[in-house]
C-alpha atoms as a PDB file:
ATOM      1  CA  UNK A   1     117.664 153.384 156.722  1.00  0.00           C
ATOM      2  CA  UNK A   2     118.394 155.461 153.647  1.00  0.00           C
ATOM      3  CA  UNK A   3     121.858 154.833 152.239  1.00  0.00           C
ATOM      4  CA  UNK A   4     123.164 157.209 149.576  1.00  0.00           C
ATOM      5  CA  UNK A   5     124.311 155.518 146.413  1.00  0.00           C
ATOM      6  CA  UNK A   6     128.023 155.613 145.884  1.00  0.00           C
ATOM      7  CA  UNK A   7     129.672 156.178 142.565  1.00  0.00           C
ATOM      8  CA  UNK A   8     130.688 152.551 142.167  1.00  0.00           C
ATOM      9  CA  UNK A   9     127.430 151.060 143.347  1.00  0.00           C
ATOM     10  CA  UNK A  10     125.918 149.940 140.043  1.00  0.00           C
ATOM     11  CA  UNK A  11     125.694 146.186 140.725  1.00  0.00           C
ATOM     12  CA  UNK A  12     121.901 146.186 140.322  1.00  0.00           C
ATOM     13  CA  UNK A  13     122.156 147.744 136.877  1.00  0.00           C
ATOM     14  CA  UNK A  14     124.754 145.179 135.861  1.00  0.00           C
ATOM     15  CA  UNK A  15     122.563 142.341 137.124  1.00  0.00           C
ATOM     16  CA  UNK A  16     119.581 143.693 135.191  1.00  0.00           C
ATOM     17  CA  UNK A  17     121.736 143.920 132.090  1.00  0.00           C
ATOM     18  CA  UNK A  18     122.829 140.295 132.436  1.00  0.00           C
ATOM     19  CA  UNK A  19     119.237 139.152 132.948  1.00  0.00           C
ATOM     20  CA  UNK A  20     118.046 141.094 129.924  1.00  0.00           C
ATOM     21  CA  UNK A  21     120.804 139.613 127.796  1.00  0.00           C
ATOM     22  CA  UNK A  22     119.777 136.059 128.713  1.00  0.00           C
ATOM     23  CA  UNK A  23     117.501 135.409 125.692  1.00  0.00           C
ATOM     24  CA  UNK A  24     120.038 137.074 123.432  1.00  0.00           C
ATOM     25  CA  UNK A  25     122.736 134.735 124.705  1.00  0.00           C
ATOM     26  CA  UNK A  26     120.463 131.754 124.073  1.00  0.00           C
ATOM     27  CA  UNK A  27     120.032 132.843 120.442  1.00  0.00           C
ATOM     28  CA  UNK A  28     123.534 131.526 119.759  1.00  0.00           C
ATOM     29  CA  UNK A  29     122.137 128.015 120.046  1.00  0.00           C
ATOM     30  CA  UNK A  30     119.416 128.507 117.418  1.00  0.00           C
ATOM     31  CA  UNK A  31     119.702 127.377 113.825  1.00  0.00           C
ATOM     32  CA  UNK A  32     121.628 124.620 112.111  1.00  0.00           C
ATOM     33  CA  UNK A  33     125.212 123.525 112.752  1.00  0.00           C
ATOM     34  CA  UNK A  34     126.690 126.173 110.455  1.00  0.00           C
ATOM     35  CA  UNK A  35     124.712 129.018 112.037  1.00  0.00           C
ATOM     36  CA  UNK A  36     125.477 127.880 115.582  1.00  0.00           C
ATOM     37  CA  UNK A  37     129.191 127.539 114.913  1.00  0.00           C
ATOM     38  CA  UNK A  38     129.388 130.913 113.144  1.00  0.00           C
ATOM     39  CA  UNK A  39     127.647 132.640 116.073  1.00  0.00           C
ATOM     40  CA  UNK A  40     129.870 130.953 118.647  1.00  0.00           C
ATOM     41  CA  UNK A  41     133.003 131.951 116.726  1.00  0.00           C
ATOM     42  CA  UNK A  42     131.838 135.567 116.421  1.00  0.00           C
ATOM     43  CA  UNK A  43     131.039 135.625 120.132  1.00  0.00           C
ATOM     44  CA  UNK A  44     134.549 134.346 120.944  1.00  0.00           C
ATOM     45  CA  UNK A  45     133.003 131.344 122.670  1.00  0.00           C
ATOM     46  CA  UNK A  46     134.646 128.868 120.323  1.00  0.00           C
ATOM     47  CA  UNK A  47     137.765 128.761 118.207  1.00  0.00           C
ATOM     48  CA  UNK A  48     137.159 128.730 114.498  1.00  0.00           C
ATOM     49  CA  UNK A  49     137.197 125.109 113.237  1.00  0.00           C
ATOM     50  CA  UNK A  50     139.011 124.226 110.042  1.00  0.00           C
ATOM     51  CA  UNK A  51     135.841 123.152 108.243  1.00  0.00           C
ATOM     52  CA  UNK A  52     133.897 126.389 108.857  1.00  0.00           C
ATOM     53  CA  UNK A  53     135.144 128.308 105.803  1.00  0.00           C
ATOM     54  CA  UNK A  54     134.671 125.256 103.595  1.00  0.00           C
ATOM     55  CA  UNK A  55     131.110 124.804 104.801  1.00  0.00           C
ATOM     56  CA  UNK A  56     130.385 128.499 104.304  1.00  0.00           C
ATOM     57  CA  UNK A  57     131.431 128.203 100.667  1.00  0.00           C
ATOM     58  CA  UNK A  58     129.312 125.059 100.159  1.00  0.00           C
ATOM     59  CA  UNK A  59     126.600 125.046 102.834  1.00  0.00           C
ATOM     60  CA  UNK A  60     124.563 121.872 103.342  1.00  0.00           C
ATOM     61  CA  UNK A  61     121.092 121.552 101.903  1.00  0.00           C
ATOM     62  CA  UNK A  62     118.397 122.834 104.226  1.00  0.00           C
ATOM     63  CA  UNK A  63     115.198 120.798 104.092  1.00  0.00           C
ATOM     64  CA  UNK A  64     111.909 122.406 105.132  1.00  0.00           C
ATOM     65  CA  UNK A  65     110.665 121.280 108.494  1.00  0.00           C
ATOM     66  CA  UNK A  66     107.403 119.393 108.711  1.00  0.00           C
ATOM     67  CA  UNK A  67     104.548 120.845 110.732  1.00  0.00           C
ATOM     68  CA  UNK A  68     103.666 117.374 112.002  1.00  0.00           C
ATOM     69  CA  UNK A  69     100.607 116.998 109.775  1.00  0.00           C
ATOM     70  CA  UNK A  70     100.535 114.353 107.072  1.00  0.00           C
ATOM     71  CA  UNK A  71      99.271 115.986 103.904  1.00  0.00           C
ATOM     72  CA  UNK A  72      97.245 113.964 101.453  1.00  0.00           C
ATOM     73  CA  UNK A  73      98.900 113.443  98.104  1.00  0.00           C
ATOM     74  CA  UNK A  74      96.656 114.709  95.329  1.00  0.00           C
ATOM     75  CA  UNK A  75      97.267 114.282  91.613  1.00  0.00           C
ATOM     76  CA  UNK A  76      95.555 116.167  88.761  1.00  0.00           C
ATOM     77  CA  UNK A  77      93.847 112.975  87.566  1.00  0.00           C
ATOM     78  CA  UNK A  78      92.268 112.285  90.973  1.00  0.00           C
ATOM     79  CA  UNK A  79      89.616 114.931  90.337  1.00  0.00           C
ATOM     80  CA  UNK A  80      88.354 113.146  87.221  1.00  0.00           C
ATOM     81  CA  UNK A  81      88.548 109.727  88.835  1.00  0.00           C
ATOM     82  CA  UNK A  82      86.175 110.974  91.541  1.00  0.00           C
ATOM     83  CA  UNK A  83      83.842 112.365  88.883  1.00  0.00           C
ATOM     84  CA  UNK A  84      83.686 109.088  86.966  1.00  0.00           C
ATOM     85  CA  UNK A  85      82.980 107.244  90.227  1.00  0.00           C
ATOM     86  CA  UNK A  86      80.163 109.702  90.985  1.00  0.00           C
ATOM     87  CA  UNK A  87      78.630 109.097  87.559  1.00  0.00           C
ATOM     88  CA  UNK A  88      79.206 105.328  87.580  1.00  0.00           C
ATOM     89  CA  UNK A  89      79.211 104.164  91.240  1.00  0.00           C
ATOM     90  CA  UNK A  90      79.425 100.528  90.128  1.00  0.00           C
ATOM     91  CA  UNK A  91      82.883 101.284  88.708  1.00  0.00           C
ATOM     92  CA  UNK A  92      84.297 101.295  92.240  1.00  0.00           C
ATOM     93  CA  UNK A  93      83.658  97.557  92.420  1.00  0.00           C
ATOM     94  CA  UNK A  94      83.833  96.531  88.775  1.00  0.00           C
ATOM     95  CA  UNK A  95      87.038  98.444  88.100  1.00  0.00           C
ATOM     96  CA  UNK A  96      88.871  97.706  91.322  1.00  0.00           C
ATOM     97  CA  UNK A  97      92.613  98.343  91.460  1.00  0.00           C
ATOM     98  CA  UNK A  98      94.730  95.242  90.938  1.00  0.00           C
ATOM     99  CA  UNK A  99      97.996  95.554  92.813  1.00  0.00           C
ATOM    100  CA  UNK A 100      99.710  92.848  90.731  1.00  0.00           C
ATOM    101  CA  UNK A 101      98.693  94.374  87.395  1.00  0.00           C
ATOM    102  CA  UNK A 102     100.575  96.930  85.325  1.00  0.00           C
ATOM    103  CA  UNK A 103      97.473  97.968  83.378  1.00  0.00           C
ATOM    104  CA  UNK A 104      95.594 100.981  84.753  1.00  0.00           C
ATOM    105  CA  UNK A 105      91.928 100.535  85.589  1.00  0.00           C
ATOM    106  CA  UNK A 106      89.306 102.051  83.218  1.00  0.00           C
ATOM    107  CA  UNK A 107      88.530 104.908  85.614  1.00  0.00           C
ATOM    108  CA  UNK A 108      92.184 105.942  85.614  1.00  0.00           C
ATOM    109  CA  UNK A 109      92.317 105.636  81.840  1.00  0.00           C
ATOM    110  CA  UNK A 110      89.320 107.977  81.691  1.00  0.00           C
ATOM    111  CA  UNK A 111      91.082 110.568  83.849  1.00  0.00           C
ATOM    112  CA  UNK A 112      94.299 110.336  81.849  1.00  0.00           C
ATOM    113  CA  UNK A 113      92.313 110.711  78.632  1.00  0.00           C
ATOM    114  CA  UNK A 114      90.697 113.924  79.916  1.00  0.00           C
ATOM    115  CA  UNK A 115      94.106 115.373  80.782  1.00  0.00           C
ATOM    116  CA  UNK A 116      95.452 114.289  77.394  1.00  0.00           C
ATOM    117  CA  UNK A 117      92.609 116.007  75.547  1.00  0.00           C
ATOM    118  CA  UNK A 118      93.141 119.202  77.519  1.00  0.00           C
ATOM    119  CA  UNK A 119      96.838 119.158  76.612  1.00  0.00           C
ATOM    120  CA  UNK A 120      95.938 118.689  72.960  1.00  0.00           C
ATOM    121  CA  UNK A 121      93.961 121.925  72.947  1.00  0.00           C
ATOM    122  CA  UNK A 122      90.442 121.065  74.112  1.00  0.00           C
ATOM    123  CA  UNK A 123      89.672 124.164  76.148  1.00  0.00           C
ATOM    124  CA  UNK A 124      86.310 123.092  77.572  1.00  0.00           C
ATOM    125  CA  UNK A 125      86.599 120.592  80.387  1.00  0.00           C
ATOM    126  CA  UNK A 126      83.053 119.327  79.832  1.00  0.00           C
ATOM    127  CA  UNK A 127      83.826 118.588  76.180  1.00  0.00           C
ATOM    128  CA  UNK A 128      86.955 116.648  77.116  1.00  0.00           C
ATOM    129  CA  UNK A 129      85.018 114.674  79.729  1.00  0.00           C
ATOM    130  CA  UNK A 130      82.254 113.930  77.219  1.00  0.00           C
ATOM    131  CA  UNK A 131      84.751 112.474  74.743  1.00  0.00           C
ATOM    132  CA  UNK A 132      86.463 110.429  77.465  1.00  0.00           C
ATOM    133  CA  UNK A 133      83.082 109.241  78.755  1.00  0.00           C
ATOM    134  CA  UNK A 134      82.079 108.086  75.283  1.00  0.00           C
ATOM    135  CA  UNK A 135      85.314 106.122  74.949  1.00  0.00           C
ATOM    136  CA  UNK A 136      84.840 104.696  78.471  1.00  0.00           C
ATOM    137  CA  UNK A 137      81.361 103.380  77.653  1.00  0.00           C
ATOM    138  CA  UNK A 138      82.498 102.119  74.238  1.00  0.00           C
ATOM    139  CA  UNK A 139      85.304 100.126  75.861  1.00  0.00           C
ATOM    140  CA  UNK A 140      82.943  98.513  78.361  1.00  0.00           C
ATOM    141  CA  UNK A 141      80.503  97.647  75.574  1.00  0.00           C
ATOM    142  CA  UNK A 142      83.312  96.200  73.445  1.00  0.00           C
ATOM    143  CA  UNK A 143      84.387  93.933  76.307  1.00  0.00           C
ATOM    144  CA  UNK A 144      80.845  92.598  76.703  1.00  0.00           C
ATOM    145  CA  UNK A 145      80.530  92.011  72.975  1.00  0.00           C
ATOM    146  CA  UNK A 146      83.886  90.235  72.892  1.00  0.00           C
ATOM    147  CA  UNK A 147      82.847  87.800  75.639  1.00  0.00           C
ATOM    148  CA  UNK A 148      79.486  87.283  73.995  1.00  0.00           C
ATOM    149  CA  UNK A 149      81.244  86.360  70.766  1.00  0.00           C
ATOM    150  CA  UNK A 150      83.518  83.921  72.615  1.00  0.00           C
ATOM    151  CA  UNK A 151      80.505  82.145  74.072  1.00  0.00           C
ATOM    152  CA  UNK A 152      78.884  81.910  70.642  1.00  0.00           C
ATOM    153  CA  UNK A 153      82.026  80.372  69.161  1.00  0.00           C
ATOM    154  CA  UNK A 154      82.244  77.865  72.030  1.00  0.00           C
ATOM    155  CA  UNK A 155      78.604  76.942  71.547  1.00  0.00           C
ATOM    156  CA  UNK A 156      79.097  76.337  67.813  1.00  0.00           C
ATOM    157  CA  UNK A 157      82.118  74.142  68.569  1.00  0.00           C
ATOM    158  CA  UNK A 158      80.204  72.227  71.223  1.00  0.00           C
ATOM    159  CA  UNK A 159      82.597  73.276  73.973  1.00  0.00           C
ATOM    160  CA  UNK A 160      82.112  74.730  77.405  1.00  0.00           C
ATOM    161  CA  UNK A 161      82.033  78.544  77.378  1.00  0.00           C
ATOM    162  CA  UNK A 162      85.393  79.993  78.459  1.00  0.00           C
ATOM    163  CA  UNK A 163      85.668  82.149  81.595  1.00  0.00           C
ATOM    164  CA  UNK A 164      85.074  85.833  81.160  1.00  0.00           C
ATOM    165  CA  UNK A 165      88.423  87.494  80.346  1.00  0.00           C
ATOM    166  CA  UNK A 166      87.057  90.771  81.782  1.00  0.00           C
ATOM    167  CA  UNK A 167      85.364  89.736  85.043  1.00  0.00           C
ATOM    168  CA  UNK A 168      84.288  92.239  87.637  1.00  0.00           C
ATOM    169  CA  UNK A 169      86.127  92.469  90.940  1.00  0.00           C
ATOM    170  CA  UNK A 170      83.072  91.191  92.849  1.00  0.00           C
ATOM    171  CA  UNK A 171      82.849  88.051  90.738  1.00  0.00           C
ATOM    172  CA  UNK A 172      86.575  87.455  91.091  1.00  0.00           C
ATOM    173  CA  UNK A 173      86.315  87.592  94.887  1.00  0.00           C
ATOM    174  CA  UNK A 174      83.279  85.309  94.827  1.00  0.00           C
ATOM    175  CA  UNK A 175      85.165  82.824  92.644  1.00  0.00           C
ATOM    176  CA  UNK A 176      88.088  82.818  95.103  1.00  0.00           C
ATOM    177  CA  UNK A 177      85.798  82.300  98.111  1.00  0.00           C
ATOM    178  CA  UNK A 178      83.577  79.648  96.498  1.00  0.00           C
ATOM    179  CA  UNK A 179      85.882  76.675  97.291  1.00  0.00           C
ATOM    180  CA  UNK A 180      86.056  77.684 100.955  1.00  0.00           C
ATOM    181  CA  UNK A 181      82.271  78.051 101.138  1.00  0.00           C
ATOM    182  CA  UNK A 182      81.809  74.548  99.765  1.00  0.00           C
ATOM    183  CA  UNK A 183      84.567  73.131 101.943  1.00  0.00           C
ATOM    184  CA  UNK A 184      82.700  73.810 105.172  1.00  0.00           C
ATOM    185  CA  UNK A 185      79.968  71.360 104.112  1.00  0.00           C
ATOM    186  CA  UNK A 186      82.244  68.474 103.016  1.00  0.00           C
ATOM    187  CA  UNK A 187      85.578  68.785 104.875  1.00  0.00           C
ATOM    188  CA  UNK A 188      85.660  66.059 107.606  1.00  0.00           C
ATOM    189  CA  UNK A 189      87.784  68.174 109.946  1.00  0.00           C
ATOM    190  CA  UNK A 190      85.385  71.102 109.731  1.00  0.00           C
ATOM    191  CA  UNK A 191      82.388  68.768 110.180  1.00  0.00           C
ATOM    192  CA  UNK A 192      84.020  67.288 113.305  1.00  0.00           C
ATOM    193  CA  UNK A 193      84.587  70.781 114.758  1.00  0.00           C
ATOM    194  CA  UNK A 194      80.973  71.733 114.043  1.00  0.00           C
ATOM    195  CA  UNK A 195      79.732  68.514 115.646  1.00  0.00           C
ATOM    196  CA  UNK A 196      81.851  69.146 118.758  1.00  0.00           C
ATOM    197  CA  UNK A 197      80.507  72.706 119.012  1.00  0.00           C
ATOM    198  CA  UNK A 198      76.927  71.434 118.780  1.00  0.00           C
ATOM    199  CA  UNK A 199      77.580  68.851 121.502  1.00  0.00           C
ATOM    200  CA  UNK A 200      79.126  71.467 123.799  1.00  0.00           C
ATOM    201  CA  UNK A 201      76.211  73.802 123.213  1.00  0.00           C
ATOM    202  CA  UNK A 202      73.692  71.033 123.920  1.00  0.00           C
ATOM    203  CA  UNK A 203      75.554  70.126 127.140  1.00  0.00           C
ATOM    204  CA  UNK A 204      75.485  73.740 128.335  1.00  0.00           C
ATOM    205  CA  UNK A 205      71.789  74.021 127.597  1.00  0.00           C
ATOM    206  CA  UNK A 206      71.107  70.747 129.432  1.00  0.00           C
ATOM    207  CA  UNK A 207      73.121  71.892 132.433  1.00  0.00           C
ATOM    208  CA  UNK A 208      71.437  75.274 132.436  1.00  0.00           C
ATOM    209  CA  UNK A 209      67.830  74.174 132.206  1.00  0.00           C
ATOM    210  CA  UNK A 210      68.021  70.614 133.512  1.00  0.00           C
ATOM    211  CA  UNK A 211      69.831  71.696 136.691  1.00  0.00           C
ATOM    212  CA  UNK A 212      67.225  74.363 137.444  1.00  0.00           C
ATOM    213  CA  UNK A 213      64.349  71.876 137.388  1.00  0.00           C
ATOM    214  CA  UNK A 214      66.173  69.217 139.400  1.00  0.00           C
ATOM    215  CA  UNK A 215      67.129  71.713 142.079  1.00  0.00           C
ATOM    216  CA  UNK A 216      63.560  71.967 143.376  1.00  0.00           C
ATOM    217  CA  UNK A 217      63.103  75.601 142.575  1.00  0.00           C
ATOM    218  CA  UNK A 218      59.314  75.062 142.271  1.00  0.00           C
END
C-alpha cells in the first residue's frame, strides 16, 4: 500500500549518509601516529594530548616504506669488474676474493683505476680501460717474474724453491685439500671404515645372488 512520505520521514536519507561517510570515517586511522592523533583531535574523538604540539614542531623522521622487493646493491665499479671478467674469465678463479684480506683483488683494482682515470679527466671510457688493462697485465707479469727470480735465487743457493707468494685460488684450495686426499689412503680409521663397507657390500651381494640360486628358482 502506498504511504505518503511525511515531513519528518527522512531516516533512509540519514542512513545513506552514514553509509557513505563510512570510508571517510575510516580515513582518520590512516597515516602515522602524528597524523592519526591530529585527525582524531580535529574530529573531537580524542582530547588533545600534551605532546601533540611538541611533536608538530619537531615531527619524527618518516622512512620510506619498502615494496617488499630486495633490490640488488650496485656500485659504479661493478660494471668494470664484469668487463674485466668477460675479457679474462680465468680471473674469476685466479683472483678470487679473500674474506680475511684487506687488499682488494686485481679485478677490483682495475675497476677502481678506471674510475680514478675518469675523475682525473680522461673523457673516453675505452681509453681509461685500455690504460687500466695495461697496468693489470703488467702487474700479473711482474708477479710471475718475481716468483721466477725467487726460484733462480733458491737454485743458486742450493735450496728448495719457496712457495709462490702469489698463488691462484685454485692452487690454494688444492693445497688445502691435498692432506685430506692423502689421508684416506693411510689413515687406519678410514681404512677400517672402507673395509667394513666392502664387507657389508659383499654380504649383500652374496645374500642377493646366493639366496636366489639356493631357493630352487630353476
